């Protein structure tokens, strides 16, 4: 004999509630799993920080050493070995001294040439 409509609706409500509960549990489990997986991913994704070189190389190597942001140049020159020329160029202090010494020998000749030119 068929169930009265009221009883049938109550049964359907209970079944729907069960189905909804099952779906909600699946969603909750999925969310939980996602959370756990994300945590695992975060741990796996952590990378070491790149080690910054203390040795300067490239065109502006001497500037970096002279400024003090780097320890030495690729040719092993430290800040104490470098000096700035009159026209803002960083050079090895021995090279600077050598140039001055060389110019001292021809200084008189260059002065004579300049006066002769004018």
N, C-alpha and C. Protein backbone atom coordinates (compact mmCIF):
# COMPACT_ATOMS: atom_id res chain seq x y z
N UNK A 1 0.82 -1.18 0.00
CA UNK A 1 0.00 0.00 0.00
C UNK A 1 0.87 1.25 0.00
N UNK A 2 0.56 2.24 -0.85
CA UNK A 2 1.39 3.43 -0.93
C UNK A 2 1.33 4.26 0.36
N UNK A 3 2.47 4.91 0.63
CA UNK A 3 2.56 5.74 1.83
C UNK A 3 1.76 7.02 1.66
N UNK A 4 1.20 7.51 2.76
CA UNK A 4 0.54 8.80 2.66
C UNK A 4 1.57 9.88 2.30
N UNK A 5 1.10 10.93 1.69
CA UNK A 5 1.98 11.98 1.17
C UNK A 5 2.87 12.56 2.26
N UNK A 6 2.32 12.78 3.46
CA UNK A 6 3.08 13.37 4.55
C UNK A 6 4.26 12.48 4.93
N UNK A 7 4.02 11.22 5.07
CA UNK A 7 5.06 10.26 5.44
C UNK A 7 6.10 10.17 4.33
N UNK A 8 5.64 10.20 3.11
CA UNK A 8 6.55 10.11 1.98
C UNK A 8 7.48 11.32 1.94
N UNK A 9 6.92 12.55 2.17
CA UNK A 9 7.71 13.78 2.19
C UNK A 9 8.73 13.74 3.31
N UNK A 10 8.34 13.24 4.46
CA UNK A 10 9.25 13.16 5.61
C UNK A 10 10.42 12.24 5.28
N UNK A 11 10.11 11.12 4.65
CA UNK A 11 11.16 10.17 4.24
C UNK A 11 12.12 10.79 3.24
N UNK A 12 11.54 11.55 2.29
CA UNK A 12 12.36 12.20 1.27
C UNK A 12 13.27 13.25 1.90
N UNK A 13 12.71 13.99 2.90
CA UNK A 13 13.50 15.01 3.59
C UNK A 13 14.71 14.37 4.26
N UNK A 14 14.45 13.24 4.92
CA UNK A 14 15.52 12.53 5.61
C UNK A 14 16.59 12.07 4.63
N UNK A 15 16.14 11.54 3.48
CA UNK A 15 17.09 11.07 2.46
C UNK A 15 17.91 12.23 1.90
N UNK A 16 17.21 13.36 1.64
CA UNK A 16 17.91 14.53 1.12
C UNK A 16 18.94 15.04 2.13
N UNK A 17 18.53 15.03 3.40
CA UNK A 17 19.43 15.48 4.46
C UNK A 17 20.67 14.60 4.51
N UNK A 18 20.46 13.27 4.37
CA UNK A 18 21.58 12.32 4.38
C UNK A 18 22.52 12.62 3.21
N UNK A 19 21.91 12.81 2.04
CA UNK A 19 22.70 13.08 0.84
C UNK A 19 23.48 14.38 0.99
N UNK A 20 22.79 15.40 1.52
CA UNK A 20 23.44 16.70 1.72
C UNK A 20 24.59 16.57 2.72
N UNK A 21 24.36 15.79 3.77
CA UNK A 21 25.38 15.59 4.80
C UNK A 21 26.61 14.91 4.18
N UNK A 22 26.34 13.92 3.31
CA UNK A 22 27.42 13.19 2.66
C UNK A 22 28.26 14.15 1.79
N UNK A 23 27.54 14.99 1.04
CA UNK A 23 28.21 15.96 0.17
C UNK A 23 29.03 16.94 1.01
N UNK A 24 28.42 17.43 2.10
CA UNK A 24 29.10 18.39 2.97
C UNK A 24 30.36 17.77 3.59
N UNK A 25 30.27 16.51 3.96
CA UNK A 25 31.42 15.81 4.53
C UNK A 25 32.53 15.71 3.49
N UNK A 26 32.13 15.40 2.24
CA UNK A 26 33.12 15.31 1.17
C UNK A 26 33.82 16.66 0.98
N UNK A 27 33.01 17.73 0.97
CA UNK A 27 33.55 19.07 0.80
C UNK A 27 34.48 19.42 1.96
N UNK A 28 34.03 19.11 3.18
CA UNK A 28 34.84 19.39 4.36
C UNK A 28 36.16 18.63 4.30
N UNK A 29 36.07 17.35 3.90
CA UNK A 29 37.28 16.55 3.77
C UNK A 29 38.20 17.12 2.69
N UNK A 30 37.58 17.56 1.60
CA UNK A 30 38.36 18.13 0.50
C UNK A 30 39.08 19.39 0.97
N UNK A 31 38.35 20.23 1.74
CA UNK A 31 38.95 21.47 2.25
C UNK A 31 40.10 21.15 3.18
N UNK A 32 39.87 20.17 4.05
CA UNK A 32 40.90 19.77 5.00
C UNK A 32 42.13 19.24 4.25
N UNK A 33 41.87 18.41 3.25
CA UNK A 33 42.97 17.85 2.47
C UNK A 33 43.73 18.96 1.74
N UNK A 34 42.97 19.93 1.23
CA UNK A 34 43.59 21.04 0.52
C UNK A 34 44.51 21.81 1.46
N UNK A 35 44.01 22.03 2.69
CA UNK A 35 44.78 22.75 3.69
C UNK A 35 46.07 22.00 4.01
N UNK A 36 45.94 20.70 4.20
CA UNK A 36 47.09 19.86 4.52
C UNK A 36 48.08 19.87 3.36
N UNK A 37 47.55 19.77 2.14
CA UNK A 37 48.41 19.75 0.96
C UNK A 37 49.14 21.08 0.80
N UNK A 38 48.41 22.18 1.04
CA UNK A 38 49.02 23.50 0.92
C UNK A 38 50.17 23.64 1.90
N UNK A 39 49.95 23.17 3.12
CA UNK A 39 50.98 23.25 4.15
C UNK A 39 52.21 22.48 3.70
N UNK A 40 51.97 21.31 3.16
CA UNK A 40 53.07 20.48 2.65
C UNK A 40 53.79 21.18 1.51
N UNK A 41 53.03 21.83 0.64
CA UNK A 41 53.60 22.52 -0.50
C UNK A 41 54.47 23.69 -0.02
N UNK A 42 53.96 24.41 0.99
CA UNK A 42 54.72 25.55 1.51
C UNK A 42 56.06 25.09 2.06
N UNK A 43 56.05 23.99 2.75
CA UNK A 43 57.29 23.47 3.31
C UNK A 43 58.24 23.07 2.19
N UNK A 44 57.70 22.45 1.17
CA UNK A 44 58.53 21.99 0.06
C UNK A 44 59.06 23.16 -0.77
N UNK A 45 58.29 24.26 -0.85
CA UNK A 45 58.67 25.37 -1.70
C UNK A 45 59.76 26.26 -1.11
N UNK A 46 60.00 26.18 0.19
CA UNK A 46 61.00 27.05 0.81
C UNK A 46 62.36 26.79 0.18
N UNK A 47 62.99 27.86 -0.30
CA UNK A 47 64.28 27.74 -0.96
C UNK A 47 65.34 28.47 -0.15
N UNK A 48 66.56 28.09 -0.36
CA UNK A 48 67.66 28.77 0.31
C UNK A 48 67.85 30.12 -0.37
N UNK A 49 68.29 31.11 0.41
CA UNK A 49 68.58 32.40 -0.18
C UNK A 49 69.90 32.30 -0.93
N UNK A 50 69.96 32.99 -2.04
CA UNK A 50 71.16 32.94 -2.88
C UNK A 50 72.31 33.62 -2.15
N UNK A 51 73.46 32.97 -2.16
CA UNK A 51 74.63 33.54 -1.49
C UNK A 51 75.19 34.66 -2.35
N UNK A 52 75.32 35.83 -1.76
CA UNK A 52 75.81 36.99 -2.49
C UNK A 52 77.34 36.98 -2.46
N UNK A 53 77.94 37.17 -3.63
CA UNK A 53 79.39 37.14 -3.75
C UNK A 53 80.01 38.39 -3.13
N UNK A 54 81.14 38.22 -2.47
CA UNK A 54 81.86 39.36 -1.90
C UNK A 54 82.96 39.82 -2.86
N UNK A 55 83.12 39.09 -3.96
CA UNK A 55 84.14 39.43 -4.94
C UNK A 55 83.48 40.18 -6.09
N UNK A 56 84.00 41.37 -6.37
CA UNK A 56 83.43 42.22 -7.42
C UNK A 56 83.97 41.81 -8.78
N UNK A 57 83.08 41.82 -9.77
CA UNK A 57 83.51 41.55 -11.14
C UNK A 57 82.71 42.42 -12.08
N UNK A 58 83.22 42.62 -13.27
CA UNK A 58 82.51 43.43 -14.25
C UNK A 58 83.08 44.83 -14.36
N UNK A 59 82.37 45.67 -15.11
CA UNK A 59 82.86 47.01 -15.40
C UNK A 59 82.97 47.89 -14.15
N UNK A 60 82.01 47.78 -13.27
CA UNK A 60 82.01 48.64 -12.09
C UNK A 60 82.55 47.94 -10.85
N UNK A 61 83.42 46.97 -11.04
CA UNK A 61 83.95 46.19 -9.93
C UNK A 61 84.70 47.07 -8.93
N UNK A 62 85.58 47.91 -9.45
CA UNK A 62 86.39 48.75 -8.56
C UNK A 62 85.53 49.76 -7.80
N UNK A 63 84.45 50.21 -8.43
CA UNK A 63 83.54 51.14 -7.75
C UNK A 63 82.90 50.46 -6.56
N UNK A 64 82.47 49.21 -6.74
CA UNK A 64 81.84 48.47 -5.65
C UNK A 64 82.78 48.28 -4.49
N UNK A 65 84.04 48.00 -4.78
CA UNK A 65 85.05 47.80 -3.74
C UNK A 65 85.35 49.14 -3.07
N UNK A 66 85.51 50.18 -3.87
CA UNK A 66 85.84 51.51 -3.33
C UNK A 66 84.72 52.04 -2.44
N UNK A 67 83.47 51.77 -2.83
CA UNK A 67 82.30 52.19 -2.06
C UNK A 67 82.20 51.43 -0.75
N UNK A 68 82.72 50.18 -0.76
CA UNK A 68 82.70 49.38 0.46
C UNK A 68 81.62 48.32 0.48
N UNK A 69 80.84 48.20 -0.60
CA UNK A 69 79.77 47.21 -0.62
C UNK A 69 80.29 45.82 -0.96
N UNK A 70 81.51 45.75 -1.51
CA UNK A 70 82.12 44.46 -1.82
C UNK A 70 83.52 44.41 -1.21
N UNK A 71 84.00 43.20 -0.95
CA UNK A 71 85.28 43.06 -0.25
C UNK A 71 86.49 43.31 -1.14
N UNK A 72 86.53 42.63 -2.29
CA UNK A 72 87.69 42.76 -3.17
C UNK A 72 87.28 42.56 -4.61
N UNK A 73 88.17 42.96 -5.52
CA UNK A 73 87.89 42.77 -6.95
C UNK A 73 88.38 41.39 -7.37
N UNK A 74 88.07 41.03 -8.60
CA UNK A 74 88.48 39.72 -9.11
C UNK A 74 90.00 39.62 -9.19
N UNK A 75 90.68 40.78 -9.29
CA UNK A 75 92.14 40.79 -9.34
C UNK A 75 92.75 40.99 -7.95
N UNK A 76 91.96 40.76 -6.92
CA UNK A 76 92.40 40.80 -5.52
C UNK A 76 92.75 42.19 -4.99
N UNK A 77 92.15 43.23 -5.55
CA UNK A 77 92.39 44.58 -5.05
C UNK A 77 91.36 44.92 -3.99
N UNK A 78 91.82 45.43 -2.87
CA UNK A 78 90.93 45.83 -1.77
C UNK A 78 90.81 47.35 -1.75
N UNK A 79 89.97 47.88 -0.86
CA UNK A 79 89.74 49.32 -0.82
C UNK A 79 91.04 50.08 -0.54
N UNK A 80 91.89 49.51 0.30
CA UNK A 80 93.15 50.18 0.65
C UNK A 80 94.09 50.28 -0.56
N UNK A 81 93.88 49.45 -1.58
CA UNK A 81 94.73 49.46 -2.77
C UNK A 81 94.24 50.43 -3.84
N UNK A 82 93.04 50.96 -3.68
CA UNK A 82 92.44 51.79 -4.72
C UNK A 82 92.47 53.27 -4.36
N UNK A 83 92.53 54.10 -5.39
CA UNK A 83 92.52 55.54 -5.21
C UNK A 83 91.72 56.16 -6.37
N UNK A 84 91.15 57.35 -6.14
CA UNK A 84 90.37 57.99 -7.20
C UNK A 84 91.21 59.05 -7.90
N UNK A 85 91.21 59.01 -9.22
CA UNK A 85 91.93 60.01 -10.01
C UNK A 85 91.17 61.32 -10.00
N UNK A 86 91.80 62.34 -10.60
CA UNK A 86 91.19 63.67 -10.66
C UNK A 86 89.85 63.65 -11.39
N UNK A 87 89.75 62.83 -12.44
CA UNK A 87 88.52 62.80 -13.23
C UNK A 87 87.62 61.63 -12.84
N UNK A 88 87.53 61.35 -11.56
CA UNK A 88 86.60 60.34 -11.00
C UNK A 88 86.75 58.94 -11.56
N UNK A 89 87.96 58.49 -11.72
CA UNK A 89 88.18 57.10 -12.13
C UNK A 89 88.92 56.40 -11.01
N UNK A 90 88.45 55.21 -10.66
CA UNK A 90 89.08 54.44 -9.59
C UNK A 90 90.20 53.60 -10.20
N UNK A 91 91.42 53.74 -9.67
CA UNK A 91 92.56 52.98 -10.18
C UNK A 91 93.38 52.41 -9.02
N UNK A 92 94.22 51.46 -9.35
CA UNK A 92 95.14 50.85 -8.40
C UNK A 92 96.15 51.93 -8.00
N UNK A 93 96.41 52.12 -6.71
CA UNK A 93 97.23 53.25 -6.26
C UNK A 93 98.66 53.18 -6.81
N UNK A 94 99.19 51.99 -7.03
CA UNK A 94 100.55 51.87 -7.58
C UNK A 94 100.57 52.33 -9.03
N UNK A 95 99.49 52.06 -9.75
CA UNK A 95 99.40 52.48 -11.15
C UNK A 95 99.31 54.01 -11.21
N UNK A 96 98.57 54.59 -10.28
CA UNK A 96 98.42 56.04 -10.20
C UNK A 96 99.78 56.69 -9.93
N UNK A 97 100.51 56.13 -8.98
CA UNK A 97 101.84 56.66 -8.63
C UNK A 97 102.80 56.53 -9.81
N UNK A 98 102.70 55.41 -10.52
CA UNK A 98 103.56 55.16 -11.68
C UNK A 98 103.31 56.21 -12.76
N UNK A 99 102.04 56.53 -12.99
CA UNK A 99 101.68 57.53 -13.99
C UNK A 99 102.20 58.90 -13.62
N UNK A 100 102.09 59.25 -12.34
CA UNK A 100 102.57 60.56 -11.87
C UNK A 100 104.08 60.66 -12.06
N UNK A 101 104.76 59.56 -11.75
CA UNK A 101 106.22 59.51 -11.85
C UNK A 101 106.65 59.68 -13.31
N UNK A 102 105.94 59.00 -14.21
CA UNK A 102 106.24 59.08 -15.64
C UNK A 102 106.02 60.50 -16.15
N UNK A 103 104.93 61.12 -15.72
CA UNK A 103 104.60 62.47 -16.18
C UNK A 103 105.62 63.47 -15.66
N UNK A 104 106.17 63.23 -14.47
CA UNK A 104 107.15 64.15 -13.89
C UNK A 104 108.35 64.32 -14.82
N UNK A 105 108.71 63.27 -15.56
CA UNK A 105 109.86 63.33 -16.46
C UNK A 105 109.59 64.21 -17.69
N UNK A 106 108.34 64.27 -18.12
CA UNK A 106 108.04 65.02 -19.35
C UNK A 106 107.25 66.31 -19.08
N UNK A 107 107.11 66.67 -17.81
CA UNK A 107 106.32 67.83 -17.44
C UNK A 107 106.88 69.11 -18.08
N UNK A 108 108.19 69.30 -17.98
CA UNK A 108 108.82 70.51 -18.52
C UNK A 108 108.61 70.59 -20.03
N UNK A 109 108.74 69.46 -20.69
CA UNK A 109 108.59 69.41 -22.15
C UNK A 109 107.16 69.77 -22.56
N UNK A 110 106.16 69.26 -21.84
CA UNK A 110 104.76 69.57 -22.17
C UNK A 110 104.47 71.05 -21.95
N UNK A 111 105.08 71.63 -20.92
CA UNK A 111 104.87 73.07 -20.65
C UNK A 111 105.45 73.90 -21.80
N UNK A 112 106.63 73.52 -22.26
CA UNK A 112 107.28 74.23 -23.36
C UNK A 112 106.43 74.12 -24.63
N UNK A 113 105.91 72.93 -24.89
CA UNK A 113 105.06 72.72 -26.07
C UNK A 113 103.80 73.57 -26.00
N UNK A 114 103.22 73.68 -24.83
CA UNK A 114 101.99 74.48 -24.66
C UNK A 114 102.26 75.96 -24.92
N UNK A 115 103.37 76.45 -24.38
CA UNK A 115 103.69 77.88 -24.58
C UNK A 115 104.01 78.15 -26.05
N UNK A 116 104.68 77.20 -26.71
CA UNK A 116 105.02 77.36 -28.12
C UNK A 116 103.75 77.35 -28.97
N UNK A 117 102.79 76.55 -28.57
CA UNK A 117 101.53 76.44 -29.31
C UNK A 117 100.72 77.73 -29.22
N UNK A 118 100.78 78.37 -28.05
CA UNK A 118 100.01 79.60 -27.84
C UNK A 118 100.82 80.76 -28.33
